[in-house]
Every structure is written in structure tokens, then in C-alpha cells.
Amino acid sequence: MNLFAIFFKGGIIMWPILLCSILSLTIIIDRYLALRKAKINAPVFMVRIRGFIKKDDITGAMNFCRQEKSSVSHIIKIGLQKYTLGHIRVKEAIENAGRQELIKLEKGLSVLASVSGIAPLLGFLGTVTGMISAFMTIQNLVGAANPSDLAGGIWEALTTTAFGLIVGIIALGFYNYFVNYIKILVGDIENVANDVVDLIQDQGNEATEISR
């Protein structure tokens, strides 16, 4: 018996489970590509940015950030746009950009978490409806039902449970993976952002000392 035959044996509850699987797969692929693009080698990036800022080449630093096209480079680019207004404004701009970037990184994760809980529940609902069908068969046959008569209800009960658990486990696993990945990414962003703000502040202090 092939997968399609097994699917149709599961009854009507299999369709919501299929919808959950398609939804979770779409989010998993989208987040994987987005987070892979957002990742950056923070130490190497910081060396390049430090070199530009030390030379007061803010335009060069911003162009470098545009070329990188990562989350941290986008955030630093927005901060550098406020460079002439002082390190406090740079810090505020970076913090605001960081919050917006975090929202983008976490896009769809709440739906993935919901799927991880809903899919197994749909599977258990299928189990209940399958067992109801089996007992209704027993009642209709006045207790003289044989195993083949009950097979339909048992198929529905076991199939929906299995598929619901499979979809839920996969969704939960990827949800936890993405959450941990984002935590590491946010840590890198915070480290780079703090280093850039400190560097700009030091540059401002040096300029003040020279002017005196």
C-alpha cells in the first residue's frame, strides 16, 4: 500500500494535518534561507568596519555594509547614517534597527510553534473519530463484528495519530533550532553593535582632545 492510499485511509482529519505540514514546510524553507543569509563572520566584519571608522571613512563603511547584505551589516549601516550626530544617536539608531531586524528574523516562528502543537492534537482528534467509527460499526452489527469490519475505524485512528505526531515533531524540532540560531545571531549583532558604538565614541573623544 502506497503513501496516498494510507493518507486517504485516515479520513477527513488528514486534510487539516496535510495543510499543517505544507504550512510548516513553507516556513521552514523560508526561515532557513533567511537566517542563512543573515549570518555573518562577526570578527572579520568588525575588523573591516574598524578600519573604515579609524580612517573616518564612514562612506566606505556604509558601502561595505551594503555589499555584505546581512542583518548586522544592515543594522550598522543605519547606525552609521547618524555618525555626524554623535555616538548616542548612533546607538539609538542601532537599537531601533535591531528591534526591527529581530521581528524580521522571527517572522513565521509563532505559526511554526502553533503547528507543532496543533498537528498532534488533530491526530488525536482523528483517533477519537476513528474509534467512534469502530464502535458504531460494532453497534450496527449488534456485537457480531469481525476484525475486517472494524479495520476502517482503526485505520483512521492510527493513521491520523501517526501523521499528526510526525508533522508536530518536525515542526517543533525546527522551531527550537531556529530559536537557538536566532539567539546566537542576536548575540553576534549585539557584540558588533556595542563595539561600533564604543569605537565611534572613542573617535569622538580623540577628536575633542585634538581640537583642544
N, C-alpha and C. Protein backbone atom coordinates (compact mmCIF):
# COMPACT_ATOMS: atom_id res chain seq x y z
N MET A 1 0.86 -1.20 0.00
CA MET A 1 0.00 0.00 0.00
C MET A 1 0.89 1.25 0.00
N ASN A 2 0.62 2.19 -0.92
CA ASN A 2 1.45 3.38 -1.02
C ASN A 2 0.99 4.46 -0.05
N LEU A 3 1.77 5.56 -0.03
CA LEU A 3 1.51 6.64 0.93
C LEU A 3 0.16 7.29 0.69
N PHE A 4 -0.25 7.44 -0.56
CA PHE A 4 -1.53 8.08 -0.86
C PHE A 4 -2.70 7.24 -0.36
N ALA A 5 -2.58 5.94 -0.49
CA ALA A 5 -3.64 5.06 -0.01
C ALA A 5 -3.76 5.15 1.51
N ILE A 6 -2.60 5.18 2.17
CA ILE A 6 -2.60 5.32 3.63
C ILE A 6 -3.22 6.65 4.03
N PHE A 7 -2.87 7.71 3.27
CA PHE A 7 -3.41 9.04 3.57
C PHE A 7 -4.93 9.04 3.51
N PHE A 8 -5.49 8.49 2.46
CA PHE A 8 -6.95 8.50 2.31
C PHE A 8 -7.64 7.59 3.33
N LYS A 9 -6.92 6.59 3.84
CA LYS A 9 -7.48 5.74 4.89
C LYS A 9 -7.68 6.53 6.19
N GLY A 10 -6.94 7.64 6.33
CA GLY A 10 -7.01 8.41 7.57
C GLY A 10 -8.25 9.25 7.72
N GLY A 11 -9.02 9.39 6.67
CA GLY A 11 -10.27 10.14 6.77
C GLY A 11 -10.08 11.64 6.61
N ILE A 12 -11.13 12.38 6.93
CA ILE A 12 -11.18 13.82 6.66
C ILE A 12 -10.18 14.61 7.51
N ILE A 13 -9.82 14.10 8.68
CA ILE A 13 -8.88 14.81 9.56
C ILE A 13 -7.49 14.90 8.93
N MET A 14 -7.20 14.03 7.98
CA MET A 14 -5.89 14.05 7.33
C MET A 14 -5.67 15.33 6.52
N TRP A 15 -6.75 15.95 6.05
CA TRP A 15 -6.60 17.17 5.24
C TRP A 15 -6.09 18.36 6.06
N PRO A 16 -6.64 18.61 7.25
CA PRO A 16 -6.04 19.67 8.08
C PRO A 16 -4.59 19.36 8.46
N ILE A 17 -4.29 18.08 8.69
CA ILE A 17 -2.90 17.71 9.00
C ILE A 17 -2.00 17.97 7.80
N LEU A 18 -2.50 17.68 6.60
CA LEU A 18 -1.73 17.97 5.39
C LEU A 18 -1.50 19.46 5.24
N LEU A 19 -2.52 20.26 5.53
CA LEU A 19 -2.38 21.72 5.48
C LEU A 19 -1.31 22.19 6.46
N CYS A 20 -1.30 21.63 7.65
CA CYS A 20 -0.28 21.97 8.65
C CYS A 20 1.12 21.62 8.16
N SER A 21 1.24 20.47 7.49
CA SER A 21 2.55 20.05 7.01
C SER A 21 3.05 20.98 5.91
N ILE A 22 2.15 21.39 5.00
CA ILE A 22 2.54 22.32 3.93
C ILE A 22 2.94 23.67 4.51
N LEU A 23 2.16 24.15 5.48
CA LEU A 23 2.44 25.44 6.11
C LEU A 23 3.78 25.42 6.84
N SER A 24 4.03 24.35 7.59
CA SER A 24 5.28 24.25 8.33
C SER A 24 6.47 24.12 7.39
N LEU A 25 6.31 23.36 6.31
CA LEU A 25 7.40 23.20 5.34
C LEU A 25 7.74 24.53 4.67
N THR A 26 6.72 25.31 4.34
CA THR A 26 6.94 26.62 3.73
C THR A 26 7.72 27.53 4.67
N ILE A 27 7.32 27.55 5.94
CA ILE A 27 8.00 28.40 6.92
C ILE A 27 9.43 27.92 7.16
N ILE A 28 9.62 26.61 7.24
CA ILE A 28 10.96 26.06 7.48
C ILE A 28 11.92 26.45 6.36
N ILE A 29 11.49 26.32 5.13
CA ILE A 29 12.35 26.69 3.99
C ILE A 29 12.63 28.18 3.99
N ASP A 30 11.59 28.98 4.22
CA ASP A 30 11.75 30.44 4.23
C ASP A 30 12.70 30.90 5.32
N ARG A 31 12.54 30.36 6.54
CA ARG A 31 13.40 30.78 7.66
C ARG A 31 14.83 30.28 7.47
N TYR A 32 14.98 29.10 6.91
CA TYR A 32 16.32 28.56 6.70
C TYR A 32 17.10 29.46 5.75
N LEU A 33 16.47 29.86 4.66
CA LEU A 33 17.13 30.71 3.68
C LEU A 33 17.40 32.10 4.25
N ALA A 34 16.42 32.64 5.00
CA ALA A 34 16.57 33.98 5.57
C ALA A 34 17.67 34.02 6.62
N LEU A 35 17.71 33.03 7.50
CA LEU A 35 18.71 33.02 8.57
C LEU A 35 20.10 32.71 8.04
N ARG A 36 20.16 31.90 7.00
CA ARG A 36 21.45 31.63 6.37
C ARG A 36 22.02 32.90 5.75
N LYS A 37 21.15 33.70 5.17
CA LYS A 37 21.56 34.96 4.57
C LYS A 37 21.96 35.98 5.64
N ALA A 38 21.30 35.91 6.80
CA ALA A 38 21.55 36.88 7.87
C ALA A 38 22.87 36.62 8.60
N LYS A 39 23.39 35.40 8.52
CA LYS A 39 24.60 35.04 9.24
C LYS A 39 25.81 35.75 8.66
N ILE A 40 26.75 36.10 9.54
CA ILE A 40 27.96 36.80 9.10
C ILE A 40 29.12 36.41 10.01
N ASN A 41 30.33 36.50 9.50
CA ASN A 41 31.53 36.28 10.30
C ASN A 41 31.82 37.56 11.06
N ALA A 42 31.36 37.62 12.31
CA ALA A 42 31.43 38.86 13.09
C ALA A 42 32.85 39.40 13.28
N PRO A 43 33.84 38.57 13.64
CA PRO A 43 35.20 39.11 13.82
C PRO A 43 35.77 39.74 12.55
N VAL A 44 35.58 39.08 11.41
CA VAL A 44 36.09 39.61 10.14
C VAL A 44 35.35 40.90 9.78
N PHE A 45 34.04 40.90 9.97
CA PHE A 45 33.26 42.10 9.69
C PHE A 45 33.72 43.27 10.55
N MET A 46 33.98 43.00 11.82
CA MET A 46 34.38 44.06 12.74
C MET A 46 35.76 44.62 12.38
N VAL A 47 36.65 43.79 11.92
CA VAL A 47 37.98 44.26 11.51
C VAL A 47 37.85 45.25 10.37
N ARG A 48 37.00 44.93 9.39
CA ARG A 48 36.82 45.82 8.25
C ARG A 48 36.18 47.14 8.66
N ILE A 49 35.15 47.06 9.48
CA ILE A 49 34.45 48.27 9.93
C ILE A 49 35.37 49.14 10.77
N ARG A 50 36.14 48.50 11.64
CA ARG A 50 37.07 49.26 12.48
C ARG A 50 38.07 50.03 11.62
N GLY A 51 38.53 49.39 10.56
CA GLY A 51 39.47 50.06 9.67
C GLY A 51 38.88 51.29 9.02
N PHE A 52 37.64 51.20 8.57
CA PHE A 52 36.97 52.35 7.94
C PHE A 52 36.76 53.48 8.95
N ILE A 53 36.27 53.13 10.14
CA ILE A 53 35.97 54.16 11.13
C ILE A 53 37.24 54.84 11.62
N LYS A 54 38.31 54.09 11.80
CA LYS A 54 39.58 54.66 12.23
C LYS A 54 40.09 55.70 11.23
N LYS A 55 39.78 55.48 9.95
CA LYS A 55 40.20 56.41 8.90
C LYS A 55 39.15 57.51 8.67
N ASP A 56 38.08 57.50 9.47
CA ASP A 56 36.96 58.44 9.29
C ASP A 56 36.32 58.29 7.92
N ASP A 57 36.40 57.11 7.36
CA ASP A 57 35.80 56.83 6.06
C ASP A 57 34.43 56.19 6.27
N ILE A 58 33.47 57.00 6.69
CA ILE A 58 32.14 56.48 7.01
C ILE A 58 31.41 56.06 5.74
N THR A 59 31.65 56.79 4.66
CA THR A 59 31.04 56.41 3.38
C THR A 59 31.52 55.02 2.94
N GLY A 60 32.81 54.78 3.10
CA GLY A 60 33.36 53.47 2.77
C GLY A 60 32.78 52.38 3.64
N ALA A 61 32.58 52.68 4.93
CA ALA A 61 32.00 51.71 5.86
C ALA A 61 30.56 51.39 5.47
N MET A 62 29.81 52.40 5.08
CA MET A 62 28.41 52.18 4.70
C MET A 62 28.32 51.39 3.39
N ASN A 63 29.22 51.68 2.46
CA ASN A 63 29.24 50.91 1.21
C ASN A 63 29.60 49.45 1.46
N PHE A 64 30.52 49.22 2.40
CA PHE A 64 30.88 47.86 2.76
C PHE A 64 29.69 47.13 3.37
N CYS A 65 28.92 47.82 4.21
CA CYS A 65 27.72 47.23 4.83
C CYS A 65 26.68 46.88 3.76
N ARG A 66 26.55 47.73 2.77
CA ARG A 66 25.59 47.45 1.69
C ARG A 66 25.98 46.19 0.92
N GLN A 67 27.26 46.00 0.73
CA GLN A 67 27.74 44.84 -0.01
C GLN A 67 27.52 43.54 0.77
N GLU A 68 27.63 43.61 2.08
CA GLU A 68 27.50 42.40 2.90
C GLU A 68 26.08 41.84 2.90
N LYS A 69 25.08 42.71 2.93
CA LYS A 69 23.67 42.31 2.87
C LYS A 69 23.28 41.28 3.94
N SER A 70 23.73 41.50 5.15
CA SER A 70 23.35 40.64 6.28
C SER A 70 22.61 41.48 7.31
N SER A 71 22.08 40.82 8.34
CA SER A 71 21.33 41.54 9.37
C SER A 71 22.20 42.55 10.10
N VAL A 72 23.39 42.11 10.52
CA VAL A 72 24.25 43.00 11.28
C VAL A 72 24.76 44.15 10.42
N SER A 73 25.06 43.90 9.15
CA SER A 73 25.54 44.97 8.29
C SER A 73 24.45 46.01 8.03
N HIS A 74 23.20 45.54 7.91
CA HIS A 74 22.07 46.46 7.73
C HIS A 74 21.89 47.34 8.96
N ILE A 75 22.01 46.74 10.13
CA ILE A 75 21.84 47.49 11.38
C ILE A 75 22.96 48.52 11.54
N ILE A 76 24.19 48.12 11.29
CA ILE A 76 25.33 49.03 11.42
C ILE A 76 25.25 50.16 10.40
N LYS A 77 24.80 49.85 9.20
CA LYS A 77 24.66 50.88 8.17
C LYS A 77 23.69 51.96 8.62
N ILE A 78 22.56 51.57 9.22
CA ILE A 78 21.59 52.54 9.72
C ILE A 78 22.20 53.38 10.83
N GLY A 79 22.99 52.74 11.70
CA GLY A 79 23.65 53.49 12.77
C GLY A 79 24.65 54.49 12.24
N LEU A 80 25.42 54.09 11.24
CA LEU A 80 26.45 54.97 10.67
C LEU A 80 25.85 56.18 9.97
N GLN A 81 24.61 56.08 9.56
CA GLN A 81 23.94 57.23 8.95
C GLN A 81 23.78 58.39 9.93
N LYS A 82 23.84 58.08 11.23
CA LYS A 82 23.73 59.10 12.27
C LYS A 82 25.11 59.47 12.85
N TYR A 83 26.17 59.09 12.15
CA TYR A 83 27.54 59.27 12.66
C TYR A 83 27.83 60.73 13.03
N THR A 84 27.42 61.66 12.20
CA THR A 84 27.73 63.08 12.45
C THR A 84 26.98 63.65 13.65
N LEU A 85 25.97 62.93 14.12
CA LEU A 85 25.18 63.42 15.26
C LEU A 85 25.70 62.91 16.60
N GLY A 86 26.75 62.11 16.59
CA GLY A 86 27.35 61.62 17.83
C GLY A 86 26.99 60.18 18.13
N HIS A 87 27.76 59.59 19.04
CA HIS A 87 27.61 58.16 19.32
C HIS A 87 26.27 57.81 19.99
N ILE A 88 25.67 58.76 20.70
CA ILE A 88 24.39 58.49 21.35
C ILE A 88 23.30 58.27 20.30
N ARG A 89 23.28 59.12 19.29
CA ARG A 89 22.30 58.95 18.22
C ARG A 89 22.57 57.69 17.41
N VAL A 90 23.84 57.37 17.25
CA VAL A 90 24.20 56.13 16.56
C VAL A 90 23.67 54.92 17.34
N LYS A 91 23.86 54.95 18.65
CA LYS A 91 23.39 53.85 19.50
C LYS A 91 21.88 53.70 19.42
N GLU A 92 21.16 54.82 19.46
CA GLU A 92 19.69 54.78 19.38
C GLU A 92 19.23 54.21 18.05
N ALA A 93 19.89 54.64 16.97
CA ALA A 93 19.53 54.15 15.64
C ALA A 93 19.79 52.65 15.52
N ILE A 94 20.90 52.19 16.07
CA ILE A 94 21.24 50.76 16.03
C ILE A 94 20.23 49.94 16.84
N GLU A 95 19.85 50.45 18.00
CA GLU A 95 18.88 49.73 18.84
C GLU A 95 17.53 49.62 18.14
N ASN A 96 17.08 50.71 17.53
CA ASN A 96 15.80 50.68 16.80
C ASN A 96 15.86 49.72 15.61
N ALA A 97 16.97 49.79 14.87
CA ALA A 97 17.13 48.90 13.72
C ALA A 97 17.23 47.44 14.17
N GLY A 98 17.87 47.22 15.31
CA GLY A 98 17.99 45.86 15.85
C GLY A 98 16.65 45.26 16.20
N ARG A 99 15.77 46.07 16.79
CA ARG A 99 14.43 45.57 17.12
C ARG A 99 13.64 45.22 15.86
N GLN A 100 13.75 46.06 14.85
CA GLN A 100 13.06 45.77 13.59
C GLN A 100 13.61 44.51 12.92
N GLU A 101 14.93 44.36 12.99
CA GLU A 101 15.56 43.19 12.36
C GLU A 101 15.18 41.91 13.07
N LEU A 102 15.04 41.97 14.40
CA LEU A 102 14.64 40.80 15.17
C LEU A 102 13.24 40.34 14.78
N ILE A 103 12.35 41.31 14.55
CA ILE A 103 10.99 40.98 14.11
C ILE A 103 11.03 40.24 12.78
N LYS A 104 11.91 40.70 11.87
CA LYS A 104 12.05 40.05 10.56
C LYS A 104 12.60 38.63 10.71
N LEU A 105 13.58 38.47 11.61
CA LEU A 105 14.19 37.15 11.80
C LEU A 105 13.21 36.14 12.38
N GLU A 106 12.30 36.61 13.24
CA GLU A 106 11.36 35.72 13.92
C GLU A 106 10.06 35.55 13.15
N LYS A 107 9.99 36.12 11.95
CA LYS A 107 8.78 36.03 11.14
C LYS A 107 8.38 34.57 10.89
N GLY A 108 7.15 34.24 11.23
CA GLY A 108 6.63 32.90 10.97
C GLY A 108 6.90 31.88 12.05
N LEU A 109 7.77 32.21 13.00
CA LEU A 109 8.10 31.21 14.03
C LEU A 109 6.93 30.92 14.96
N SER A 110 6.10 31.93 15.22
CA SER A 110 4.93 31.70 16.07
C SER A 110 3.96 30.74 15.39
N VAL A 111 3.85 30.84 14.06
CA VAL A 111 2.98 29.91 13.32
C VAL A 111 3.56 28.50 13.38
N LEU A 112 4.88 28.40 13.25
CA LEU A 112 5.53 27.09 13.32
C LEU A 112 5.33 26.45 14.69
N ALA A 113 5.41 27.27 15.74
CA ALA A 113 5.17 26.77 17.09
C ALA A 113 3.72 26.29 17.25
N SER A 114 2.78 27.04 16.64
CA SER A 114 1.37 26.64 16.71
C SER A 114 1.14 25.31 16.00
N VAL A 115 1.78 25.15 14.84
CA VAL A 115 1.64 23.90 14.08
C VAL A 115 2.15 22.72 14.90
N SER A 116 3.26 22.94 15.62
CA SER A 116 3.85 21.85 16.41
C SER A 116 2.90 21.37 17.51
N GLY A 117 1.99 22.25 17.93
CA GLY A 117 1.01 21.85 18.93
C GLY A 117 -0.30 21.38 18.33
N ILE A 118 -0.70 22.01 17.22
CA ILE A 118 -2.00 21.70 16.62
C ILE A 118 -1.98 20.36 15.89
N ALA A 119 -0.92 20.06 15.17
CA ALA A 119 -0.87 18.82 14.36
C ALA A 119 -1.08 17.56 15.21
N PRO A 120 -0.36 17.40 16.34
CA PRO A 120 -0.63 16.20 17.17
C PRO A 120 -2.05 16.17 17.71
N LEU A 121 -2.61 17.34 18.04
CA LEU A 121 -3.98 17.38 18.54
C LEU A 121 -4.97 16.95 17.46
N LEU A 122 -4.70 17.36 16.22
CA LEU A 122 -5.54 16.90 15.11
C LEU A 122 -5.42 15.38 14.96
N GLY A 123 -4.20 14.87 15.16
CA GLY A 123 -4.00 13.43 15.10
C GLY A 123 -4.81 12.70 16.16
N PHE A 124 -4.81 13.24 17.37
CA PHE A 124 -5.59 12.62 18.46
C PHE A 124 -7.09 12.75 18.20
N LEU A 125 -7.50 13.86 17.56
CA LEU A 125 -8.90 14.01 17.19
C LEU A 125 -9.28 12.93 16.19
N GLY A 126 -8.39 12.65 15.24
CA GLY A 126 -8.63 11.57 14.29
C GLY A 126 -8.73 10.23 14.99
N THR A 127 -7.94 10.05 16.04
CA THR A 127 -8.01 8.81 16.82
C THR A 127 -9.40 8.64 17.44
N VAL A 128 -9.90 9.75 17.99
CA VAL A 128 -11.23 9.70 18.62
C VAL A 128 -12.31 9.40 17.59
N THR A 129 -12.26 10.11 16.44
CA THR A 129 -13.29 9.87 15.42
C THR A 129 -13.18 8.45 14.85
N GLY A 130 -11.95 7.95 14.73
CA GLY A 130 -11.76 6.59 14.24
C GLY A 130 -12.33 5.56 15.19
N MET A 131 -12.12 5.76 16.49
CA MET A 131 -12.66 4.83 17.47
C MET A 131 -14.18 4.92 17.54
N ILE A 132 -14.69 6.14 17.36
CA ILE A 132 -16.16 6.29 17.32
C ILE A 132 -16.73 5.49 16.15
N SER A 133 -16.04 5.60 15.01
CA SER A 133 -16.48 4.84 13.83
C SER A 133 -16.45 3.34 14.07
N ALA A 134 -15.40 2.88 14.76
CA ALA A 134 -15.27 1.45 15.05
C ALA A 134 -16.39 0.98 15.98
N PHE A 135 -16.69 1.76 17.01
CA PHE A 135 -17.75 1.37 17.94
C PHE A 135 -19.13 1.46 17.30
N MET A 136 -19.30 2.41 16.39
CA MET A 136 -20.57 2.49 15.68
C MET A 136 -20.77 1.24 14.81
N THR A 137 -19.68 0.76 14.23
CA THR A 137 -19.76 -0.47 13.43
C THR A 137 -20.17 -1.65 14.30
N ILE A 138 -19.57 -1.73 15.48
CA ILE A 138 -19.93 -2.80 16.42
C ILE A 138 -21.40 -2.73 16.78
N GLN A 139 -21.89 -1.50 17.02
CA GLN A 139 -23.30 -1.33 17.38
C GLN A 139 -24.21 -1.73 16.23
N ASN A 140 -23.86 -1.30 15.02
CA ASN A 140 -24.71 -1.60 13.87
C ASN A 140 -24.77 -3.10 13.57
N LEU A 141 -23.66 -3.80 13.89
CA LEU A 141 -23.62 -5.25 13.63
C LEU A 141 -24.06 -6.05 14.86
N VAL A 142 -24.60 -5.34 15.82
CA VAL A 142 -25.15 -5.95 17.04
C VAL A 142 -24.10 -6.83 17.72
N GLY A 143 -22.87 -6.31 17.82
CA GLY A 143 -21.82 -7.02 18.55
C GLY A 143 -21.19 -8.17 17.81
N ALA A 144 -21.63 -8.42 16.57
CA ALA A 144 -21.09 -9.57 15.83
C ALA A 144 -20.04 -9.15 14.81
N ALA A 145 -19.39 -8.04 15.07
CA ALA A 145 -18.40 -7.51 14.12
C ALA A 145 -17.12 -8.35 14.17
N ASN A 146 -16.52 -8.54 13.01
CA ASN A 146 -15.21 -9.21 12.95
C ASN A 146 -14.13 -8.15 12.69
N PRO A 147 -12.86 -8.53 12.82
CA PRO A 147 -11.78 -7.53 12.66
C PRO A 147 -11.82 -6.75 11.36
N SER A 148 -12.21 -7.37 10.26
CA SER A 148 -12.26 -6.66 8.98
C SER A 148 -13.32 -5.55 8.99
N ASP A 149 -14.39 -5.76 9.74
CA ASP A 149 -15.43 -4.74 9.84
C ASP A 149 -14.94 -3.51 10.60
N LEU A 150 -14.01 -3.72 11.52
CA LEU A 150 -13.50 -2.63 12.35
C LEU A 150 -12.27 -1.96 11.75
N ALA A 151 -11.76 -2.54 10.67
CA ALA A 151 -10.48 -2.07 10.12
C ALA A 151 -10.51 -0.60 9.72
N GLY A 152 -11.65 -0.16 9.14
CA GLY A 152 -11.73 1.24 8.69
C GLY A 152 -11.52 2.22 9.82
N GLY A 153 -12.24 2.02 10.92
CA GLY A 153 -12.11 2.92 12.06
C GLY A 153 -10.73 2.86 12.69
N ILE A 154 -10.15 1.66 12.77
CA ILE A 154 -8.81 1.51 13.35
C ILE A 154 -7.76 2.17 12.45
N TRP A 155 -7.91 2.01 11.13
CA TRP A 155 -7.00 2.67 10.19
C TRP A 155 -7.02 4.18 10.42
N GLU A 156 -8.22 4.74 10.51
CA GLU A 156 -8.37 6.19 10.72
C GLU A 156 -7.72 6.62 12.02
N ALA A 157 -7.94 5.85 13.07
CA ALA A 157 -7.40 6.19 14.38
C ALA A 157 -5.87 6.20 14.38
N LEU A 158 -5.27 5.14 13.85
CA LEU A 158 -3.81 5.02 13.89
C LEU A 158 -3.11 5.95 12.89
N THR A 159 -3.69 6.12 11.69
CA THR A 159 -3.05 6.92 10.65
C THR A 159 -3.00 8.40 11.03
N THR A 160 -4.11 8.95 11.50
CA THR A 160 -4.12 10.37 11.87
C THR A 160 -3.17 10.64 13.02
N THR A 161 -3.12 9.74 13.98
CA THR A 161 -2.21 9.91 15.11
C THR A 161 -0.76 9.94 14.64
N ALA A 162 -0.41 8.99 13.78
CA ALA A 162 0.97 8.90 13.29
C ALA A 162 1.35 10.14 12.49
N PHE A 163 0.52 10.53 11.54
CA PHE A 163 0.83 11.69 10.70
C PHE A 163 0.85 12.98 11.51
N GLY A 164 -0.09 13.12 12.45
CA GLY A 164 -0.12 14.31 13.30
C GLY A 164 1.13 14.44 14.14
N LEU A 165 1.59 13.32 14.71
CA LEU A 165 2.81 13.35 15.52
C LEU A 165 4.04 13.64 14.67
N ILE A 166 4.10 13.06 13.47
CA ILE A 166 5.25 13.30 12.59
C ILE A 166 5.37 14.79 12.25
N VAL A 167 4.24 15.38 11.84
CA VAL A 167 4.25 16.81 11.48
C VAL A 167 4.59 17.67 12.69
N GLY A 168 4.00 17.35 13.84
CA GLY A 168 4.25 18.13 15.05
C GLY A 168 5.69 18.04 15.53
N ILE A 169 6.26 16.84 15.49
CA ILE A 169 7.65 16.66 15.95
C ILE A 169 8.62 17.41 15.05
N ILE A 170 8.41 17.32 13.74
CA ILE A 170 9.30 18.03 12.81
C ILE A 170 9.19 19.54 12.99
N ALA A 171 7.97 20.04 13.13
CA ALA A 171 7.76 21.48 13.32
C ALA A 171 8.40 21.96 14.62
N LEU A 172 8.23 21.20 15.69
CA LEU A 172 8.81 21.57 16.98
C LEU A 172 10.34 21.56 16.93
N GLY A 173 10.89 20.54 16.27
CA GLY A 173 12.35 20.44 16.16
C GLY A 173 12.94 21.63 15.43
N PHE A 174 12.35 22.00 14.31
CA PHE A 174 12.86 23.15 13.55
C PHE A 174 12.60 24.47 14.28
N TYR A 175 11.48 24.56 14.99
CA TYR A 175 11.21 25.77 15.77
C TYR A 175 12.31 26.00 16.80
N ASN A 176 12.66 24.96 17.56
CA ASN A 176 13.71 25.08 18.56
C ASN A 176 15.06 25.39 17.92
N TYR A 177 15.32 24.78 16.76
CA TYR A 177 16.58 25.05 16.05
C TYR A 177 16.66 26.52 15.64
N PHE A 178 15.58 27.05 15.07
CA PHE A 178 15.59 28.44 14.63
C PHE A 178 15.70 29.41 15.80
N VAL A 179 15.01 29.11 16.90
CA VAL A 179 15.08 29.98 18.09
C VAL A 179 16.51 30.05 18.62
N ASN A 180 17.17 28.91 18.73
CA ASN A 180 18.56 28.89 19.20
C ASN A 180 19.49 29.58 18.21
N TYR A 181 19.26 29.39 16.92
CA TYR A 181 20.07 30.03 15.88
C TYR A 181 19.95 31.55 15.98
N ILE A 182 18.72 32.03 16.18
CA ILE A 182 18.50 33.48 16.29
C ILE A 182 19.15 34.03 17.55
N LYS A 183 19.13 33.27 18.64
CA LYS A 183 19.81 33.72 19.87
C LYS A 183 21.30 33.95 19.62
N ILE A 184 21.93 33.01 18.93
CA ILE A 184 23.36 33.14 18.62
C ILE A 184 23.59 34.34 17.70
N LEU A 185 22.72 34.49 16.71
CA LEU A 185 22.83 35.60 15.76
C LEU A 185 22.65 36.94 16.45
N VAL A 186 21.68 37.02 17.34
CA VAL A 186 21.44 38.26 18.09
C VAL A 186 22.63 38.59 18.98
N GLY A 187 23.24 37.56 19.56
CA GLY A 187 24.45 37.79 20.37
C GLY A 187 25.57 38.39 19.55
N ASP A 188 25.77 37.88 18.33
CA ASP A 188 26.79 38.44 17.44
C ASP A 188 26.46 39.88 17.07
N ILE A 189 25.19 40.15 16.80
CA ILE A 189 24.77 41.50 16.44
C ILE A 189 25.03 42.47 17.59
N GLU A 190 24.68 42.05 18.80
CA GLU A 190 24.89 42.91 19.97
C GLU A 190 26.37 43.20 20.20
N ASN A 191 27.21 42.18 20.03
CA ASN A 191 28.65 42.38 20.21
C ASN A 191 29.21 43.36 19.19
N VAL A 192 28.83 43.18 17.93
CA VAL A 192 29.32 44.08 16.88
C VAL A 192 28.79 45.50 17.11
N ALA A 193 27.50 45.61 17.45
CA ALA A 193 26.90 46.92 17.66
C ALA A 193 27.58 47.67 18.81
N ASN A 194 27.83 46.97 19.91
CA ASN A 194 28.50 47.60 21.05
C ASN A 194 29.92 48.03 20.69
N ASP A 195 30.61 47.20 19.93
CA ASP A 195 31.98 47.55 19.52
C ASP A 195 31.98 48.77 18.61
N VAL A 196 31.02 48.86 17.70
CA VAL A 196 30.95 50.01 16.80
C VAL A 196 30.63 51.29 17.56
N VAL A 197 29.68 51.23 18.49
CA VAL A 197 29.33 52.40 19.29
C VAL A 197 30.53 52.86 20.12
N ASP A 198 31.22 51.91 20.76
CA ASP A 198 32.41 52.26 21.56
C ASP A 198 33.50 52.87 20.68
N LEU A 199 33.66 52.32 19.50
CA LEU A 199 34.67 52.83 18.58
C LEU A 199 34.35 54.25 18.13
N ILE A 200 33.09 54.51 17.84
CA ILE A 200 32.67 55.86 17.44
C ILE A 200 32.83 56.83 18.60
N GLN A 201 32.52 56.37 19.80
CA GLN A 201 32.69 57.22 20.98
C GLN A 201 34.17 57.55 21.19
N ASP A 202 35.03 56.57 21.03
CA ASP A 202 36.48 56.81 21.17
C ASP A 202 36.97 57.78 20.10
N GLN A 203 36.45 57.63 18.89
CA GLN A 203 36.83 58.55 17.82
C GLN A 203 36.41 59.97 18.15
N GLY A 204 35.22 60.12 18.72
CA GLY A 204 34.74 61.44 19.12
C GLY A 204 35.57 62.04 20.22
N ASN A 205 35.96 61.20 21.19
CA ASN A 205 36.81 61.70 22.29
C ASN A 205 38.18 62.13 21.78
N GLU A 206 38.74 61.36 20.85
CA GLU A 206 40.04 61.72 20.28
C GLU A 206 39.96 63.03 19.51
N ALA A 207 38.87 63.21 18.76
CA ALA A 207 38.70 64.45 18.02
C ALA A 207 38.56 65.65 18.95
N THR A 208 37.91 65.43 20.08
CA THR A 208 37.75 66.51 21.06
C THR A 208 39.10 66.87 21.67
N GLU A 209 39.89 65.86 21.99
CA GLU A 209 41.22 66.10 22.57
C GLU A 209 42.12 66.86 21.60
N ILE A 210 42.04 66.49 20.31
CA ILE A 210 42.87 67.16 19.31
C ILE A 210 42.47 68.63 19.14
N SER A 211 41.15 68.87 19.17
CA SER A 211 40.67 70.25 19.00
C SER A 211 41.08 71.15 20.14
N ARG A 212 41.31 70.54 21.29
CA ARG A 212 41.77 71.34 22.44
C ARG A 212 43.24 71.71 22.31
